[in-house]
Structure formats: C-alpha cells, structure tokens
N, C-alpha and C. Protein backbone atom coordinates (compact mmCIF):
# COMPACT_ATOMS: atom_id res chain seq x y z
N UNK A 1 19.68 14.01 12.96
CA UNK A 1 18.28 13.75 13.16
C UNK A 1 17.80 12.76 12.10
N UNK A 2 17.13 11.72 12.55
CA UNK A 2 16.65 10.68 11.63
C UNK A 2 15.45 11.18 10.83
N UNK A 3 15.30 10.64 9.64
CA UNK A 3 14.15 10.94 8.78
C UNK A 3 13.34 9.66 8.64
N UNK A 4 12.03 9.80 8.78
CA UNK A 4 11.11 8.67 8.73
C UNK A 4 10.17 8.85 7.54
N UNK A 5 10.03 7.79 6.76
CA UNK A 5 9.13 7.81 5.61
C UNK A 5 8.26 6.57 5.63
N UNK A 6 7.01 6.75 5.23
CA UNK A 6 6.11 5.61 5.09
C UNK A 6 5.79 5.47 3.61
N UNK A 7 5.99 4.25 3.11
CA UNK A 7 5.71 3.96 1.71
C UNK A 7 4.60 2.92 1.66
N UNK A 8 3.55 3.24 0.88
CA UNK A 8 2.43 2.33 0.67
C UNK A 8 2.52 1.83 -0.77
N UNK A 9 2.39 0.51 -0.91
CA UNK A 9 2.58 -0.18 -2.19
C UNK A 9 2.20 0.59 -3.44
N UNK A 10 0.93 0.92 -3.63
CA UNK A 10 0.51 1.52 -4.89
C UNK A 10 0.51 3.04 -4.88
N UNK A 11 0.78 3.65 -3.72
CA UNK A 11 0.75 5.11 -3.60
C UNK A 11 2.13 5.75 -3.57
N UNK A 12 3.12 5.02 -3.09
CA UNK A 12 4.45 5.59 -2.90
C UNK A 12 4.58 6.20 -1.51
N UNK A 13 5.38 7.24 -1.37
CA UNK A 13 5.63 7.86 -0.07
C UNK A 13 4.41 8.68 0.35
N UNK A 14 3.87 8.34 1.53
CA UNK A 14 2.69 9.05 2.03
C UNK A 14 3.00 9.89 3.26
N UNK A 15 4.14 9.64 3.91
CA UNK A 15 4.58 10.42 5.07
C UNK A 15 6.08 10.60 4.97
N UNK A 16 6.54 11.81 5.27
CA UNK A 16 7.97 12.11 5.30
C UNK A 16 8.17 13.10 6.45
N UNK A 17 8.80 12.64 7.54
CA UNK A 17 8.86 13.44 8.76
C UNK A 17 10.13 13.15 9.55
N UNK A 18 10.45 14.01 10.50
CA UNK A 18 11.55 13.75 11.44
C UNK A 18 11.00 13.40 12.82
N UNK A 19 9.68 13.29 12.94
CA UNK A 19 9.03 13.01 14.22
C UNK A 19 8.68 11.52 14.29
N UNK A 20 9.43 10.79 15.09
CA UNK A 20 9.27 9.34 15.15
C UNK A 20 7.88 8.92 15.61
N UNK A 21 7.34 9.54 16.63
CA UNK A 21 6.02 9.17 17.14
C UNK A 21 4.95 9.35 16.07
N UNK A 22 5.03 10.42 15.30
CA UNK A 22 4.08 10.65 14.21
C UNK A 22 4.22 9.56 13.15
N UNK A 23 5.45 9.19 12.82
CA UNK A 23 5.69 8.17 11.81
C UNK A 23 5.12 6.82 12.25
N UNK A 24 5.34 6.45 13.50
CA UNK A 24 4.84 5.16 13.99
C UNK A 24 3.31 5.17 14.04
N UNK A 25 2.73 6.25 14.52
CA UNK A 25 1.28 6.36 14.55
C UNK A 25 0.69 6.28 13.15
N UNK A 26 1.31 6.97 12.21
CA UNK A 26 0.84 6.94 10.82
C UNK A 26 0.99 5.56 10.21
N UNK A 27 2.11 4.88 10.50
CA UNK A 27 2.30 3.51 10.02
C UNK A 27 1.15 2.64 10.48
N UNK A 28 0.81 2.73 11.77
CA UNK A 28 -0.27 1.91 12.31
C UNK A 28 -1.61 2.24 11.65
N UNK A 29 -1.86 3.51 11.37
CA UNK A 29 -3.08 3.91 10.67
C UNK A 29 -3.14 3.30 9.27
N UNK A 30 -2.06 3.43 8.51
CA UNK A 30 -2.04 2.89 7.15
C UNK A 30 -2.10 1.37 7.15
N UNK A 31 -1.47 0.73 8.12
CA UNK A 31 -1.54 -0.73 8.23
C UNK A 31 -2.98 -1.18 8.45
N UNK A 32 -3.68 -0.47 9.35
CA UNK A 32 -5.09 -0.79 9.62
C UNK A 32 -5.94 -0.60 8.36
N UNK A 33 -5.71 0.50 7.64
CA UNK A 33 -6.46 0.73 6.39
C UNK A 33 -6.19 -0.39 5.39
N UNK A 34 -4.95 -0.85 5.30
CA UNK A 34 -4.61 -1.93 4.38
C UNK A 34 -5.32 -3.22 4.78
N UNK A 35 -5.31 -3.52 6.07
CA UNK A 35 -5.92 -4.75 6.57
C UNK A 35 -7.44 -4.76 6.39
N UNK A 36 -8.06 -3.59 6.51
CA UNK A 36 -9.53 -3.53 6.43
C UNK A 36 -10.03 -3.28 5.02
N UNK A 37 -9.12 -3.08 4.08
CA UNK A 37 -9.51 -2.90 2.70
C UNK A 37 -10.03 -1.52 2.36
N UNK A 38 -9.71 -0.51 3.17
CA UNK A 38 -10.23 0.83 2.95
C UNK A 38 -9.51 1.56 1.83
N UNK A 39 -10.28 2.10 0.90
CA UNK A 39 -9.75 2.98 -0.14
C UNK A 39 -8.62 2.37 -0.96
N UNK A 40 -7.78 3.24 -1.46
CA UNK A 40 -6.67 2.81 -2.32
C UNK A 40 -5.57 2.11 -1.54
N UNK A 41 -5.60 2.20 -0.22
CA UNK A 41 -4.59 1.56 0.63
C UNK A 41 -4.93 0.09 0.87
N UNK A 42 -6.19 -0.26 0.71
CA UNK A 42 -6.65 -1.62 1.01
C UNK A 42 -5.84 -2.70 0.31
N UNK A 43 -5.32 -3.63 1.09
CA UNK A 43 -4.58 -4.76 0.56
C UNK A 43 -3.17 -4.45 0.10
N UNK A 44 -2.67 -3.27 0.40
CA UNK A 44 -1.32 -2.87 -0.04
C UNK A 44 -0.29 -3.04 1.07
N UNK A 45 0.97 -3.19 0.68
CA UNK A 45 2.06 -3.26 1.66
C UNK A 45 2.30 -1.87 2.25
N UNK A 46 2.76 -1.85 3.50
CA UNK A 46 3.07 -0.60 4.20
C UNK A 46 4.42 -0.79 4.87
N UNK A 47 5.35 0.14 4.61
CA UNK A 47 6.69 0.04 5.18
C UNK A 47 7.14 1.38 5.73
N UNK A 48 7.72 1.34 6.93
CA UNK A 48 8.33 2.52 7.54
C UNK A 48 9.83 2.46 7.29
N UNK A 49 10.36 3.50 6.68
CA UNK A 49 11.79 3.62 6.43
C UNK A 49 12.40 4.60 7.41
N UNK A 50 13.59 4.27 7.91
CA UNK A 50 14.34 5.17 8.79
C UNK A 50 15.65 5.47 8.07
N UNK A 51 15.84 6.73 7.75
CA UNK A 51 17.02 7.16 7.00
C UNK A 51 17.24 6.31 5.74
N UNK A 52 16.15 6.03 5.04
CA UNK A 52 16.22 5.32 3.77
C UNK A 52 16.28 3.81 3.85
N UNK A 53 16.29 3.26 5.05
CA UNK A 53 16.36 1.81 5.23
C UNK A 53 15.04 1.30 5.83
N UNK A 54 14.47 0.21 5.29
CA UNK A 54 13.24 -0.32 5.85
C UNK A 54 13.46 -0.85 7.27
N UNK A 55 12.54 -0.52 8.16
CA UNK A 55 12.60 -1.01 9.53
C UNK A 55 11.76 -2.28 9.62
N UNK A 56 12.38 -3.44 9.84
CA UNK A 56 11.63 -4.70 9.83
C UNK A 56 10.54 -4.77 10.91
N UNK A 57 10.64 -3.94 11.94
CA UNK A 57 9.60 -3.93 12.98
C UNK A 57 8.33 -3.27 12.47
N UNK A 58 8.46 -2.47 11.43
CA UNK A 58 7.32 -1.72 10.89
C UNK A 58 7.18 -1.97 9.39
N UNK A 59 7.01 -3.24 9.06
CA UNK A 59 6.81 -3.65 7.68
C UNK A 59 5.59 -4.56 7.66
N UNK A 60 4.62 -4.20 6.83
CA UNK A 60 3.41 -5.02 6.71
C UNK A 60 3.23 -5.44 5.27
N UNK A 61 3.14 -6.74 5.06
CA UNK A 61 2.88 -7.31 3.74
C UNK A 61 1.59 -8.12 3.86
N UNK A 62 0.53 -7.72 3.16
CA UNK A 62 -0.72 -8.49 3.24
C UNK A 62 -0.54 -9.88 2.67
N UNK A 63 -1.31 -10.82 3.21
CA UNK A 63 -1.26 -12.18 2.71
C UNK A 63 -1.95 -12.22 1.36
N UNK A 64 -1.33 -12.91 0.43
CA UNK A 64 -1.89 -13.03 -0.91
C UNK A 64 -2.71 -14.34 -0.97
N UNK A 65 -3.84 -14.25 -1.63
CA UNK A 65 -4.65 -15.46 -1.81
C UNK A 65 -4.79 -15.74 -3.30
N UNK A 66 -5.13 -16.95 -3.60
CA UNK A 66 -5.28 -17.34 -5.00
C UNK A 66 -6.68 -17.03 -5.53
N UNK A 67 -7.50 -16.39 -4.70
CA UNK A 67 -8.79 -15.97 -5.19
C UNK A 67 -9.88 -16.78 -4.65
C-alpha cells in the first residue's frame, strides 16, 4: 500500500495518509492556499510525495518576484 505525504515549504509535512484521493484533494487545497496568499501557506511550495518520492504531477513552486 502506497503512502502519500504533502510537504509545504515552511511547515513541513501537513498530510500523511494511505488514501490517494484524500492526498490529491489536500494537495489541491494547499496549492490554492499558497496561490491566494492565505495564512502561513501563502507563497510556499507544495509537494505530494508517494512512498517518499516527489510526484512531478503534484508539485507546485510559486513564482518568485524581485519585489
């Protein structure tokens, strides 16, 4: 059984589950929070790991600006 983890840049692991649908839904929620600047997640990277390996389909890196 695969293990799914979501890691947010400044928070670390925020989800650790064996339920793929929950992991994908949570990834999308955290990605939206990062994009909209909400709370401590705002502007942070969000990555879904499957069995310890990052899944490139579920990796979000916010664009950096020079200010």
